[in-house]
């Protein structure tokens, strides 16, 4: 089972199947570490690395699925948890929205009307 696991295959699995897969990889990792200590040589290093990465992939998919479920719960709500919000940069998060940028005061509207470019039609 120490071959590289495909993330696409993991995404198709349910949460229970992912937990079972994770347990299998952890058990395999434990066995490999025992074999490594028993043999005295570093012959199992590459396999241990592959299994650890597979565990990381499974955990990543589990976390992503859990976050997607929470995101679905908060869809359409006014407030969402900070860890689910869009990161961007601090400046972008605080920037005015296009609607706020387009707003003008009454005084600005009057000035715009007064100083508008006048179009004249010339008789031929």
PDB file of N, CA and C in Angstrom:
ATOM      1  N   UNK A   1       0.809  -1.202   0.000  1.00  0.00           N
ATOM      2  CA  UNK A   1       0.000   0.000   0.000  1.00  0.00           C
ATOM      3  C   UNK A   1       0.851   1.265   0.000  1.00  0.00           C
ATOM      4  N   UNK A   2       2.164   1.128  -0.087  1.00  0.00           N
ATOM      5  CA  UNK A   2       3.046   2.280   0.040  1.00  0.00           C
ATOM      6  C   UNK A   2       3.209   3.070  -1.258  1.00  0.00           C
ATOM      7  N   UNK A   3       2.501   2.695  -2.340  1.00  0.00           N
ATOM      8  CA  UNK A   3       2.575   3.469  -3.573  1.00  0.00           C
ATOM      9  C   UNK A   3       1.922   4.829  -3.365  1.00  0.00           C
ATOM     10  N   UNK A   4       2.324   5.774  -4.195  1.00  0.00           N
ATOM     11  CA  UNK A   4       1.786   7.129  -4.066  1.00  0.00           C
ATOM     12  C   UNK A   4       0.287   7.123  -4.336  1.00  0.00           C
ATOM     13  N   UNK A   5      -0.477   7.680  -3.415  1.00  0.00           N
ATOM     14  CA  UNK A   5      -1.931   7.708  -3.534  1.00  0.00           C
ATOM     15  C   UNK A   5      -2.333   8.944  -4.342  1.00  0.00           C
ATOM     16  N   UNK A   6      -3.354   8.801  -5.187  1.00  0.00           N
ATOM     17  CA  UNK A   6      -3.835   9.905  -6.016  1.00  0.00           C
ATOM     18  C   UNK A   6      -4.877  10.707  -5.240  1.00  0.00           C
ATOM     19  N   UNK A   7      -4.743  12.005  -5.260  1.00  0.00           N
ATOM     20  CA  UNK A   7      -5.663  12.871  -4.531  1.00  0.00           C
ATOM     21  C   UNK A   7      -7.061  12.786  -5.139  1.00  0.00           C
ATOM     22  N   UNK A   8      -7.148  12.636  -6.458  1.00  0.00           N
ATOM     23  CA  UNK A   8      -8.452  12.533  -7.124  1.00  0.00           C
ATOM     24  C   UNK A   8      -9.223  11.319  -6.599  1.00  0.00           C
ATOM     25  N   UNK A   9      -8.504  10.224  -6.350  1.00  0.00           N
ATOM     26  CA  UNK A   9      -9.151   9.029  -5.800  1.00  0.00           C
ATOM     27  C   UNK A   9      -9.634   9.284  -4.373  1.00  0.00           C
ATOM     28  N   UNK A  10      -8.847  10.036  -3.616  1.00  0.00           N
ATOM     29  CA  UNK A  10      -9.219  10.329  -2.228  1.00  0.00           C
ATOM     30  C   UNK A  10     -10.464  11.216  -2.160  1.00  0.00           C
ATOM     31  N   UNK A  11     -10.580  12.146  -3.094  1.00  0.00           N
ATOM     32  CA  UNK A  11     -11.724  13.067  -3.076  1.00  0.00           C
ATOM     33  C   UNK A  11     -13.046  12.346  -3.312  1.00  0.00           C
ATOM     34  N   UNK A  12     -13.004  11.206  -3.982  1.00  0.00           N
ATOM     35  CA  UNK A  12     -14.223  10.436  -4.259  1.00  0.00           C
ATOM     36  C   UNK A  12     -14.701   9.668  -3.030  1.00  0.00           C
ATOM     37  N   UNK A  13     -13.799   9.454  -2.064  1.00  0.00           N
ATOM     38  CA  UNK A  13     -14.138   8.649  -0.890  1.00  0.00           C
ATOM     39  C   UNK A  13     -14.924   9.462   0.138  1.00  0.00           C
ATOM     40  N   UNK A  14     -15.679   8.742   0.969  1.00  0.00           N
ATOM     41  CA  UNK A  14     -16.430   9.392   2.052  1.00  0.00           C
ATOM     42  C   UNK A  14     -15.494   9.623   3.240  1.00  0.00           C
ATOM     43  N   UNK A  15     -16.013  10.334   4.228  1.00  0.00           N
ATOM     44  CA  UNK A  15     -15.212  10.647   5.420  1.00  0.00           C
ATOM     45  C   UNK A  15     -14.808   9.371   6.167  1.00  0.00           C
ATOM     46  N   UNK A  16     -15.723   8.392   6.230  1.00  0.00           N
ATOM     47  CA  UNK A  16     -15.425   7.134   6.931  1.00  0.00           C
ATOM     48  C   UNK A  16     -14.332   6.355   6.198  1.00  0.00           C
ATOM     49  N   UNK A  17     -14.418   6.319   4.870  1.00  0.00           N
ATOM     50  CA  UNK A  17     -13.399   5.609   4.087  1.00  0.00           C
ATOM     51  C   UNK A  17     -12.038   6.292   4.226  1.00  0.00           C
ATOM     52  N   UNK A  18     -12.044   7.619   4.262  1.00  0.00           N
ATOM     53  CA  UNK A  18     -10.785   8.350   4.429  1.00  0.00           C
ATOM     54  C   UNK A  18     -10.164   8.059   5.791  1.00  0.00           C
ATOM     55  N   UNK A  19     -10.994   7.981   6.821  1.00  0.00           N
ATOM     56  CA  UNK A  19     -10.494   7.666   8.162  1.00  0.00           C
ATOM     57  C   UNK A  19      -9.881   6.271   8.188  1.00  0.00           C
ATOM     58  N   UNK A  20     -10.537   5.346   7.509  1.00  0.00           N
ATOM     59  CA  UNK A  20     -10.028   3.971   7.442  1.00  0.00           C
ATOM     60  C   UNK A  20      -8.694   3.940   6.689  1.00  0.00           C
ATOM     61  N   UNK A  21      -8.608   4.666   5.581  1.00  0.00           N
ATOM     62  CA  UNK A  21      -7.367   4.736   4.801  1.00  0.00           C
ATOM     63  C   UNK A  21      -6.248   5.343   5.649  1.00  0.00           C
ATOM     64  N   UNK A  22      -6.582   6.382   6.385  1.00  0.00           N
ATOM     65  CA  UNK A  22      -5.601   7.039   7.248  1.00  0.00           C
ATOM     66  C   UNK A  22      -5.065   6.066   8.292  1.00  0.00           C
ATOM     67  N   UNK A  23      -5.950   5.285   8.901  1.00  0.00           N
ATOM     68  CA  UNK A  23      -5.528   4.293   9.900  1.00  0.00           C
ATOM     69  C   UNK A  23      -4.591   3.259   9.289  1.00  0.00           C
ATOM     70  N   UNK A  24      -4.908   2.837   8.060  1.00  0.00           N
ATOM     71  CA  UNK A  24      -4.052   1.857   7.381  1.00  0.00           C
ATOM     72  C   UNK A  24      -2.651   2.425   7.156  1.00  0.00           C
ATOM     73  N   UNK A  25      -2.596   3.673   6.680  1.00  0.00           N
ATOM     74  CA  UNK A  25      -1.287   4.287   6.432  1.00  0.00           C
ATOM     75  C   UNK A  25      -0.506   4.481   7.731  1.00  0.00           C
ATOM     76  N   UNK A  26      -1.180   4.865   8.796  1.00  0.00           N
ATOM     77  CA  UNK A  26      -0.495   5.042  10.081  1.00  0.00           C
ATOM     78  C   UNK A  26       0.044   3.710  10.608  1.00  0.00           C
ATOM     79  N   UNK A  27      -0.740   2.646  10.416  1.00  0.00           N
ATOM     80  CA  UNK A  27      -0.300   1.314  10.841  1.00  0.00           C
ATOM     81  C   UNK A  27       0.915   0.883  10.018  1.00  0.00           C
ATOM     82  N   UNK A  28       0.856   1.147   8.699  1.00  0.00           N
ATOM     83  CA  UNK A  28       1.974   0.797   7.829  1.00  0.00           C
ATOM     84  C   UNK A  28       3.223   1.586   8.221  1.00  0.00           C
ATOM     85  N   UNK A  29       3.066   2.847   8.555  1.00  0.00           N
ATOM     86  CA  UNK A  29       4.193   3.673   8.968  1.00  0.00           C
ATOM     87  C   UNK A  29       4.829   3.128  10.246  1.00  0.00           C
ATOM     88  N   UNK A  30       3.984   2.730  11.180  1.00  0.00           N
ATOM     89  CA  UNK A  30       4.489   2.172  12.430  1.00  0.00           C
ATOM     90  C   UNK A  30       5.313   0.901  12.163  1.00  0.00           C
ATOM     91  N   UNK A  31       4.789   0.033  11.281  1.00  0.00           N
ATOM     92  CA  UNK A  31       5.514  -1.204  10.952  1.00  0.00           C
ATOM     93  C   UNK A  31       6.853  -0.898  10.293  1.00  0.00           C
ATOM     94  N   UNK A  32       6.859   0.068   9.380  1.00  0.00           N
ATOM     95  CA  UNK A  32       8.102   0.425   8.693  1.00  0.00           C
ATOM     96  C   UNK A  32       9.136   0.974   9.675  1.00  0.00           C
ATOM     97  N   UNK A  33       8.693   1.774  10.635  1.00  0.00           N
ATOM     98  CA  UNK A  33       9.623   2.318  11.621  1.00  0.00           C
ATOM     99  C   UNK A  33      10.201   1.218  12.498  1.00  0.00           C
ATOM    100  N   UNK A  34       9.359   0.238  12.845  1.00  0.00           N
ATOM    101  CA  UNK A  34       9.842  -0.898  13.647  1.00  0.00           C
ATOM    102  C   UNK A  34      10.887  -1.683  12.855  1.00  0.00           C
ATOM    103  N   UNK A  35      10.604  -1.926  11.565  1.00  0.00           N
ATOM    104  CA  UNK A  35      11.553  -2.656  10.711  1.00  0.00           C
ATOM    105  C   UNK A  35      12.860  -1.891  10.578  1.00  0.00           C
ATOM    106  N   UNK A  36      12.760  -0.578  10.468  1.00  0.00           N
ATOM    107  CA  UNK A  36      13.955   0.256  10.321  1.00  0.00           C
ATOM    108  C   UNK A  36      14.837   0.169  11.567  1.00  0.00           C
ATOM    109  N   UNK A  37      14.209   0.227  12.729  1.00  0.00           N
ATOM    110  CA  UNK A  37      14.963   0.149  13.982  1.00  0.00           C
ATOM    111  C   UNK A  37      15.565  -1.245  14.149  1.00  0.00           C
ATOM    112  N   UNK A  38      14.800  -2.272  13.781  1.00  0.00           N
ATOM    113  CA  UNK A  38      15.256  -3.654  13.954  1.00  0.00           C
ATOM    114  C   UNK A  38      16.420  -3.978  13.034  1.00  0.00           C
ATOM    115  N   UNK A  39      16.375  -3.487  11.796  1.00  0.00           N
ATOM    116  CA  UNK A  39      17.421  -3.841  10.840  1.00  0.00           C
ATOM    117  C   UNK A  39      18.712  -3.059  11.099  1.00  0.00           C
ATOM    118  N   UNK A  40      18.595  -1.866  11.637  1.00  0.00           N
ATOM    119  CA  UNK A  40      19.794  -1.083  11.937  1.00  0.00           C
ATOM    120  C   UNK A  40      20.254  -0.246  10.761  1.00  0.00           C
ATOM    121  N   UNK A  41      19.887  -0.632   9.541  1.00  0.00           N
ATOM    122  CA  UNK A  41      20.269   0.157   8.367  1.00  0.00           C
ATOM    123  C   UNK A  41      19.116   1.074   7.982  1.00  0.00           C
ATOM    124  N   UNK A  42      19.434   2.046   7.169  1.00  0.00           N
ATOM    125  CA  UNK A  42      18.417   3.020   6.760  1.00  0.00           C
ATOM    126  C   UNK A  42      17.814   2.593   5.418  1.00  0.00           C
ATOM    127  N   UNK A  43      17.349   1.349   5.346  1.00  0.00           N
ATOM    128  CA  UNK A  43      16.830   0.831   4.080  1.00  0.00           C
ATOM    129  C   UNK A  43      15.379   1.232   3.832  1.00  0.00           C
ATOM    130  N   UNK A  44      14.655   1.575   4.857  1.00  0.00           N
ATOM    131  CA  UNK A  44      13.217   1.872   4.723  1.00  0.00           C
ATOM    132  C   UNK A  44      12.937   3.377   4.608  1.00  0.00           C
ATOM    133  N   UNK A  45      13.963   4.187   4.453  1.00  0.00           N
ATOM    134  CA  UNK A  45      13.786   5.639   4.431  1.00  0.00           C
ATOM    135  C   UNK A  45      12.851   6.132   3.351  1.00  0.00           C
ATOM    136  N   UNK A  46      13.001   5.618   2.129  1.00  0.00           N
ATOM    137  CA  UNK A  46      12.172   6.080   1.005  1.00  0.00           C
ATOM    138  C   UNK A  46      10.712   5.668   1.201  1.00  0.00           C
ATOM    139  N   UNK A  47      10.481   4.438   1.692  1.00  0.00           N
ATOM    140  CA  UNK A  47       9.110   3.978   1.913  1.00  0.00           C
ATOM    141  C   UNK A  47       8.441   4.779   3.025  1.00  0.00           C
ATOM    142  N   UNK A  48       9.191   5.061   4.076  1.00  0.00           N
ATOM    143  CA  UNK A  48       8.647   5.848   5.188  1.00  0.00           C
ATOM    144  C   UNK A  48       8.238   7.230   4.684  1.00  0.00           C
ATOM    145  N   UNK A  49       9.094   7.809   3.844  1.00  0.00           N
ATOM    146  CA  UNK A  49       8.798   9.131   3.291  1.00  0.00           C
ATOM    147  C   UNK A  49       7.512   9.098   2.472  1.00  0.00           C
ATOM    148  N   UNK A  50       7.350   8.060   1.617  1.00  0.00           N
ATOM    149  CA  UNK A  50       6.143   7.937   0.794  1.00  0.00           C
ATOM    150  C   UNK A  50       4.893   7.793   1.660  1.00  0.00           C
ATOM    151  N   UNK A  51       4.979   6.970   2.700  1.00  0.00           N
ATOM    152  CA  UNK A  51       3.818   6.739   3.565  1.00  0.00           C
ATOM    153  C   UNK A  51       3.456   8.013   4.325  1.00  0.00           C
ATOM    154  N   UNK A  52       4.467   8.734   4.803  1.00  0.00           N
ATOM    155  CA  UNK A  52       4.196   9.990   5.516  1.00  0.00           C
ATOM    156  C   UNK A  52       3.508  11.002   4.598  1.00  0.00           C
ATOM    157  N   UNK A  53       3.936  11.043   3.352  1.00  0.00           N
ATOM    158  CA  UNK A  53       3.316  11.967   2.396  1.00  0.00           C
ATOM    159  C   UNK A  53       1.885  11.537   2.065  1.00  0.00           C
ATOM    160  N   UNK A  54       1.666  10.226   1.985  1.00  0.00           N
ATOM    161  CA  UNK A  54       0.307   9.732   1.757  1.00  0.00           C
ATOM    162  C   UNK A  54      -0.612  10.118   2.920  1.00  0.00           C
ATOM    163  N   UNK A  55      -0.089  10.008   4.144  1.00  0.00           N
ATOM    164  CA  UNK A  55      -0.865  10.412   5.322  1.00  0.00           C
ATOM    165  C   UNK A  55      -1.217  11.899   5.218  1.00  0.00           C
ATOM    166  N   UNK A  56      -0.244  12.700   4.799  1.00  0.00           N
ATOM    167  CA  UNK A  56      -0.482  14.139   4.661  1.00  0.00           C
ATOM    168  C   UNK A  56      -1.553  14.414   3.613  1.00  0.00           C
ATOM    169  N   UNK A  57      -1.528  13.669   2.513  1.00  0.00           N
ATOM    170  CA  UNK A  57      -2.535  13.852   1.459  1.00  0.00           C
ATOM    171  C   UNK A  57      -3.934  13.526   1.973  1.00  0.00           C
ATOM    172  N   UNK A  58      -4.046  12.426   2.704  1.00  0.00           N
ATOM    173  CA  UNK A  58      -5.353  12.023   3.238  1.00  0.00           C
ATOM    174  C   UNK A  58      -5.869  13.079   4.212  1.00  0.00           C
ATOM    175  N   UNK A  59      -4.992  13.545   5.098  1.00  0.00           N
ATOM    176  CA  UNK A  59      -5.396  14.563   6.068  1.00  0.00           C
ATOM    177  C   UNK A  59      -5.807  15.865   5.372  1.00  0.00           C
ATOM    178  N   UNK A  60      -5.088  16.217   4.306  1.00  0.00           N
ATOM    179  CA  UNK A  60      -5.415  17.433   3.564  1.00  0.00           C
ATOM    180  C   UNK A  60      -6.798  17.334   2.945  1.00  0.00           C
ATOM    181  N   UNK A  61      -7.097  16.195   2.326  1.00  0.00           N
ATOM    182  CA  UNK A  61      -8.412  16.013   1.700  1.00  0.00           C
ATOM    183  C   UNK A  61      -9.508  16.036   2.759  1.00  0.00           C
ATOM    184  N   UNK A  62      -9.259  15.399   3.910  1.00  0.00           N
ATOM    185  CA  UNK A  62     -10.245  15.406   4.995  1.00  0.00           C
ATOM    186  C   UNK A  62     -10.531  16.828   5.466  1.00  0.00           C
ATOM    187  N   UNK A  63      -9.475  17.620   5.631  1.00  0.00           N
ATOM    188  CA  UNK A  63      -9.630  19.004   6.068  1.00  0.00           C
ATOM    189  C   UNK A  63     -10.394  19.820   5.034  1.00  0.00           C
ATOM    190  N   UNK A  64     -10.063  19.642   3.761  1.00  0.00           N
ATOM    191  CA  UNK A  64     -10.749  20.381   2.699  1.00  0.00           C
ATOM    192  C   UNK A  64     -12.228  20.041   2.661  1.00  0.00           C
ATOM    193  N   UNK A  65     -12.555  18.763   2.818  1.00  0.00           N
ATOM    194  CA  UNK A  65     -13.965  18.361   2.806  1.00  0.00           C
ATOM    195  C   UNK A  65     -14.713  18.970   3.990  1.00  0.00           C
ATOM    196  N   UNK A  66     -14.072  18.970   5.158  1.00  0.00           N
ATOM    197  CA  UNK A  66     -14.715  19.541   6.342  1.00  0.00           C
ATOM    198  C   UNK A  66     -14.951  21.042   6.158  1.00  0.00           C
ATOM    199  N   UNK A  67     -13.969  21.742   5.590  1.00  0.00           N
ATOM    200  CA  UNK A  67     -14.117  23.180   5.362  1.00  0.00           C
ATOM    201  C   UNK A  67     -15.205  23.462   4.333  1.00  0.00           C
ATOM    202  N   UNK A  68     -15.317  22.620   3.310  1.00  0.00           N
ATOM    203  CA  UNK A  68     -16.366  22.798   2.299  1.00  0.00           C
ATOM    204  C   UNK A  68     -17.753  22.645   2.916  1.00  0.00           C
ATOM    205  N   UNK A  69     -17.890  21.692   3.829  1.00  0.00           N
ATOM    206  CA  UNK A  69     -19.176  21.493   4.506  1.00  0.00           C
ATOM    207  C   UNK A  69     -19.554  22.729   5.328  1.00  0.00           C
ATOM    208  N   UNK A  70     -18.580  23.273   6.063  1.00  0.00           N
ATOM    209  CA  UNK A  70     -18.843  24.460   6.880  1.00  0.00           C
ATOM    210  C   UNK A  70     -19.155  25.650   5.978  1.00  0.00           C
ATOM    211  N   UNK A  71     -18.413  25.766   4.861  1.00  0.00           N
ATOM    212  CA  UNK A  71     -18.660  26.854   3.916  1.00  0.00           C
ATOM    213  C   UNK A  71     -20.084  26.785   3.376  1.00  0.00           C
ATOM    214  N   UNK A  72     -20.559  25.569   3.107  1.00  0.00           N
ATOM    215  CA  UNK A  72     -21.925  25.383   2.600  1.00  0.00           C
ATOM    216  C   UNK A  72     -22.955  25.814   3.636  1.00  0.00           C
ATOM    217  N   UNK A  73     -22.670  25.570   4.912  1.00  0.00           N
ATOM    218  CA  UNK A  73     -23.584  25.981   5.983  1.00  0.00           C
ATOM    219  C   UNK A  73     -23.715  27.500   6.054  1.00  0.00           C
ATOM    220  N   UNK A  74     -22.611  28.211   5.812  1.00  0.00           N
ATOM    221  CA  UNK A  74     -22.610  29.665   5.925  1.00  0.00           C
ATOM    222  C   UNK A  74     -22.912  30.371   4.604  1.00  0.00           C
ATOM    223  N   UNK A  75     -23.195  29.625   3.547  1.00  0.00           N
ATOM    224  CA  UNK A  75     -23.473  30.231   2.244  1.00  0.00           C
ATOM    225  C   UNK A  75     -24.718  31.107   2.341  1.00  0.00           C
ATOM    226  N   UNK A  76     -24.597  32.342   1.865  1.00  0.00           N
ATOM    227  CA  UNK A  76     -25.731  33.259   1.877  1.00  0.00           C
ATOM    228  C   UNK A  76     -25.955  33.989   3.181  1.00  0.00           C
ATOM    229  N   UNK A  77     -25.187  33.685   4.202  1.00  0.00           N
ATOM    230  CA  UNK A  77     -25.334  34.357   5.492  1.00  0.00           C
ATOM    231  C   UNK A  77     -24.539  35.676   5.473  1.00  0.00           C
ATOM    232  N   UNK A  78     -24.901  36.566   6.367  1.00  0.00           N
ATOM    233  CA  UNK A  78     -24.241  37.867   6.405  1.00  0.00           C
ATOM    234  C   UNK A  78     -22.819  37.758   6.960  1.00  0.00           C
ATOM    235  N   UNK A  79     -22.655  37.004   8.025  1.00  0.00           N
ATOM    236  CA  UNK A  79     -21.343  36.861   8.644  1.00  0.00           C
ATOM    237  C   UNK A  79     -20.848  35.431   8.502  1.00  0.00           C
ATOM    238  N   UNK A  80     -19.560  35.296   8.169  1.00  0.00           N
ATOM    239  CA  UNK A  80     -18.943  33.967   8.101  1.00  0.00           C
ATOM    240  C   UNK A  80     -17.681  33.984   8.964  1.00  0.00           C
ATOM    241  N   UNK A  81     -17.235  32.817   9.449  1.00  0.00           N
ATOM    242  CA  UNK A  81     -16.039  32.781  10.291  1.00  0.00           C
ATOM    243  C   UNK A  81     -14.817  33.359   9.572  1.00  0.00           C
ATOM    244  N   UNK A  82     -13.927  33.937  10.341  1.00  0.00           N
ATOM    245  CA  UNK A  82     -12.768  34.611   9.748  1.00  0.00           C
ATOM    246  C   UNK A  82     -11.880  33.670   8.951  1.00  0.00           C
ATOM    247  N   UNK A  83     -11.752  32.421   9.393  1.00  0.00           N
ATOM    248  CA  UNK A  83     -10.877  31.501   8.680  1.00  0.00           C
ATOM    249  C   UNK A  83     -11.461  31.053   7.343  1.00  0.00           C
ATOM    250  N   UNK A  84     -12.745  31.318   7.110  1.00  0.00           N
ATOM    251  CA  UNK A  84     -13.361  30.965   5.829  1.00  0.00           C
ATOM    252  C   UNK A  84     -13.459  32.166   4.891  1.00  0.00           C
ATOM    253  N   UNK A  85     -13.156  33.348   5.393  1.00  0.00           N
ATOM    254  CA  UNK A  85     -13.241  34.543   4.559  1.00  0.00           C
ATOM    255  C   UNK A  85     -12.088  34.596   3.565  1.00  0.00           C
ATOM    256  N   UNK A  86     -12.260  35.440   2.531  1.00  0.00           N
ATOM    257  CA  UNK A  86     -11.224  35.604   1.518  1.00  0.00           C
ATOM    258  C   UNK A  86     -10.050  36.339   2.140  1.00  0.00           C
ATOM    259  N   UNK A  87      -8.836  35.845   1.908  1.00  0.00           N
ATOM    260  CA  UNK A  87      -7.655  36.422   2.547  1.00  0.00           C
ATOM    261  C   UNK A  87      -7.277  37.761   1.915  1.00  0.00           C
ATOM    262  N   UNK A  88      -6.963  37.774   0.629  1.00  0.00           N
ATOM    263  CA  UNK A  88      -6.495  38.960  -0.096  1.00  0.00           C
ATOM    264  C   UNK A  88      -5.372  39.642   0.680  1.00  0.00           C
ATOM    265  N   UNK A  89      -5.317  40.977   0.611  1.00  0.00           N
ATOM    266  CA  UNK A  89      -4.366  41.734   1.426  1.00  0.00           C
ATOM    267  C   UNK A  89      -5.170  42.678   2.307  1.00  0.00           C
ATOM    268  N   UNK A  90      -4.539  43.212   3.310  1.00  0.00           N
ATOM    269  CA  UNK A  90      -5.250  44.080   4.247  1.00  0.00           C
ATOM    270  C   UNK A  90      -5.820  45.298   3.518  1.00  0.00           C
ATOM    271  N   UNK A  91      -5.014  45.865   2.600  1.00  0.00           N
ATOM    272  CA  UNK A  91      -5.450  47.050   1.863  1.00  0.00           C
ATOM    273  C   UNK A  91      -6.665  46.734   0.983  1.00  0.00           C
ATOM    274  N   UNK A  92      -6.631  45.578   0.318  1.00  0.00           N
ATOM    275  CA  UNK A  92      -7.758  45.197  -0.542  1.00  0.00           C
ATOM    276  C   UNK A  92      -9.017  44.934   0.268  1.00  0.00           C
ATOM    277  N   UNK A  93      -8.862  44.355   1.453  1.00  0.00           N
ATOM    278  CA  UNK A  93     -10.034  44.075   2.282  1.00  0.00           C
ATOM    279  C   UNK A  93     -10.689  45.371   2.758  1.00  0.00           C
ATOM    280  N   UNK A  94      -9.903  46.416   2.959  1.00  0.00           N
ATOM    281  CA  UNK A  94     -10.433  47.668   3.471  1.00  0.00           C
ATOM    282  C   UNK A  94     -10.801  48.664   2.376  1.00  0.00           C
ATOM    283  N   UNK A  95     -10.489  48.346   1.130  1.00  0.00           N
ATOM    284  CA  UNK A  95     -10.780  49.265   0.021  1.00  0.00           C
ATOM    285  C   UNK A  95     -12.280  49.441  -0.147  1.00  0.00           C
ATOM    286  N   UNK A  96     -12.657  50.606  -0.688  1.00  0.00           N
ATOM    287  CA  UNK A  96     -14.066  50.880  -0.925  1.00  0.00           C
ATOM    288  C   UNK A  96     -14.605  49.984  -2.033  1.00  0.00           C
ATOM    289  N   UNK A  97     -15.868  49.659  -1.935  1.00  0.00           N
ATOM    290  CA  UNK A  97     -16.516  48.859  -2.981  1.00  0.00           C
ATOM    291  C   UNK A  97     -16.791  49.769  -4.178  1.00  0.00           C
ATOM    292  N   UNK A  98     -17.008  49.206  -5.368  1.00  0.00           N
ATOM    293  CA  UNK A  98     -17.313  50.035  -6.540  1.00  0.00           C
ATOM    294  C   UNK A  98     -18.530  50.938  -6.314  1.00  0.00           C
ATOM    295  N   UNK A  99     -19.516  50.442  -5.583  1.00  0.00           N
ATOM    296  CA  UNK A  99     -20.710  51.240  -5.289  1.00  0.00           C
ATOM    297  C   UNK A  99     -20.358  52.448  -4.425  1.00  0.00           C
ATOM    298  N   UNK A 100     -19.520  52.222  -3.414  1.00  0.00           N
ATOM    299  CA  UNK A 100     -19.114  53.316  -2.539  1.00  0.00           C
ATOM    300  C   UNK A 100     -18.265  54.342  -3.292  1.00  0.00           C
ATOM    301  N   UNK A 101     -17.430  53.855  -4.224  1.00  0.00           N
ATOM    302  CA  UNK A 101     -16.584  54.750  -5.008  1.00  0.00           C
ATOM    303  C   UNK A 101     -17.412  55.634  -5.935  1.00  0.00           C
ATOM    304  N   UNK A 102     -18.503  55.108  -6.452  1.00  0.00           N
ATOM    305  CA  UNK A 102     -19.294  55.851  -7.436  1.00  0.00           C
ATOM    306  C   UNK A 102     -20.226  56.870  -6.793  1.00  0.00           C
ATOM    307  N   UNK A 103     -20.458  56.788  -5.492  1.00  0.00           N
ATOM    308  CA  UNK A 103     -21.344  57.731  -4.817  1.00  0.00           C
ATOM    309  C   UNK A 103     -20.779  59.149  -4.858  1.00  0.00           C
ATOM    310  N   UNK A 104     -21.668  60.133  -5.021  1.00  0.00           N
ATOM    311  CA  UNK A 104     -21.241  61.523  -4.988  1.00  0.00           C
ATOM    312  C   UNK A 104     -22.188  62.313  -4.092  1.00  0.00           C
ATOM    313  N   UNK A 105     -21.669  63.397  -3.553  1.00  0.00           N
ATOM    314  CA  UNK A 105     -22.493  64.245  -2.697  1.00  0.00           C
ATOM    315  C   UNK A 105     -23.377  65.125  -3.573  1.00  0.00           C
ATOM    316  N   UNK A 106     -24.344  65.763  -2.965  1.00  0.00           N
ATOM    317  CA  UNK A 106     -25.240  66.654  -3.697  1.00  0.00           C
ATOM    318  C   UNK A 106     -24.447  67.800  -4.326  1.00  0.00           C
ATOM    319  N   UNK A 107     -23.485  68.323  -3.579  1.00  0.00           N
ATOM    320  CA  UNK A 107     -22.653  69.430  -4.077  1.00  0.00           C
ATOM    321  C   UNK A 107     -21.857  68.996  -5.309  1.00  0.00           C
ATOM    322  N   UNK A 108     -21.291  67.770  -5.252  1.00  0.00           N
ATOM    323  CA  UNK A 108     -20.530  67.279  -6.400  1.00  0.00           C
ATOM    324  C   UNK A 108     -21.439  67.108  -7.619  1.00  0.00           C
ATOM    325  N   UNK A 109     -22.666  66.649  -7.390  1.00  0.00           N
ATOM    326  CA  UNK A 109     -23.610  66.467  -8.493  1.00  0.00           C
ATOM    327  C   UNK A 109     -23.933  67.803  -9.154  1.00  0.00           C
ATOM    328  N   UNK A 110     -24.151  68.853  -8.335  1.00  0.00           N
ATOM    329  CA  UNK A 110     -24.455  70.181  -8.874  1.00  0.00           C
ATOM    330  C   UNK A 110     -23.275  70.722  -9.670  1.00  0.00           C
ATOM    331  N   UNK A 111     -22.056  70.549  -9.137  1.00  0.00           N
ATOM    332  CA  UNK A 111     -20.860  71.024  -9.842  1.00  0.00           C
ATOM    333  C   UNK A 111     -20.718  70.338 -11.190  1.00  0.00           C
ATOM    334  N   UNK A 112     -21.024  69.067 -11.209  1.00  0.00           N
ATOM    335  CA  UNK A 112     -20.906  68.293 -12.441  1.00  0.00           C
ATOM    336  C   UNK A 112     -21.885  68.813 -13.495  1.00  0.00           C
ATOM    337  N   UNK A 113     -23.088  69.156 -13.058  1.00  0.00           N
ATOM    338  CA  UNK A 113     -24.091  69.677 -13.978  1.00  0.00           C
ATOM    339  C   UNK A 113     -23.658  71.040 -14.519  1.00  0.00           C
ATOM    340  N   UNK A 114     -23.145  71.899 -13.629  1.00  0.00           N
ATOM    341  CA  UNK A 114     -22.751  73.253 -14.031  1.00  0.00           C
ATOM    342  C   UNK A 114     -21.553  73.214 -14.975  1.00  0.00           C
ATOM    343  N   UNK A 115     -20.591  72.376 -14.681  1.00  0.00           N
ATOM    344  CA  UNK A 115     -19.349  72.340 -15.458  1.00  0.00           C
ATOM    345  C   UNK A 115     -19.367  71.303 -16.574  1.00  0.00           C
ATOM    346  N   UNK A 116     -20.525  70.820 -16.887  1.00  0.00           N
ATOM    347  CA  UNK A 116     -20.608  69.805 -17.940  1.00  0.00           C
ATOM    348  C   UNK A 116     -20.209  70.399 -19.275  1.00  0.00           C
ATOM    349  N   UNK A 117     -19.593  69.587 -20.106  1.00  0.00           N
ATOM    350  CA  UNK A 117     -19.186  70.046 -21.429  1.00  0.00           C
ATOM    351  C   UNK A 117     -20.422  70.312 -22.271  1.00  0.00           C
ATOM    352  N   UNK A 118     -20.492  71.510 -22.822  1.00  0.00           N
ATOM    353  CA  UNK A 118     -21.671  71.885 -23.590  1.00  0.00           C
ATOM    354  C   UNK A 118     -21.472  71.525 -25.061  1.00  0.00           C
ATOM    355  N   UNK A 119     -22.541  70.983 -25.632  1.00  0.00           N
ATOM    356  CA  UNK A 119     -22.501  70.596 -27.031  1.00  0.00           C
ATOM    357  C   UNK A 119     -23.377  71.574 -27.834  1.00  0.00           C
ATOM    358  N   UNK A 120     -22.826  72.144 -28.855  1.00  0.00           N
ATOM    359  CA  UNK A 120     -23.578  73.072 -29.704  1.00  0.00           C
ATOM    360  C   UNK A 120     -23.638  72.521 -31.118  1.00  0.00           C
ATOM    361  N   UNK A 121     -24.800  72.635 -31.699  1.00  0.00           N
ATOM    362  CA  UNK A 121     -24.967  72.233 -33.091  1.00  0.00           C
ATOM    363  C   UNK A 121     -24.815  73.466 -33.967  1.00  0.00           C
ATOM    364  N   UNK A 122     -24.006  73.369 -34.999  1.00  0.00           N
ATOM    365  CA  UNK A 122     -23.779  74.510 -35.900  1.00  0.00           C
ATOM    366  C   UNK A 122     -24.673  74.341 -37.119  1.00  0.00           C
ATOM    367  N   UNK A 123     -25.393  75.434 -37.477  1.00  0.00           N
ATOM    368  CA  UNK A 123     -26.233  75.377 -38.659  1.00  0.00           C
ATOM    369  C   UNK A 123     -25.355  75.416 -39.878  1.00  0.00           C
ATOM    370  N   UNK A 124     -25.740  74.660 -40.876  1.00  0.00           N
ATOM    371  CA  UNK A 124     -24.962  74.636 -42.110  1.00  0.00           C
ATOM    372  C   UNK A 124     -25.383  75.727 -43.052  1.00  0.00           C
TER     373      UNK A 124
END
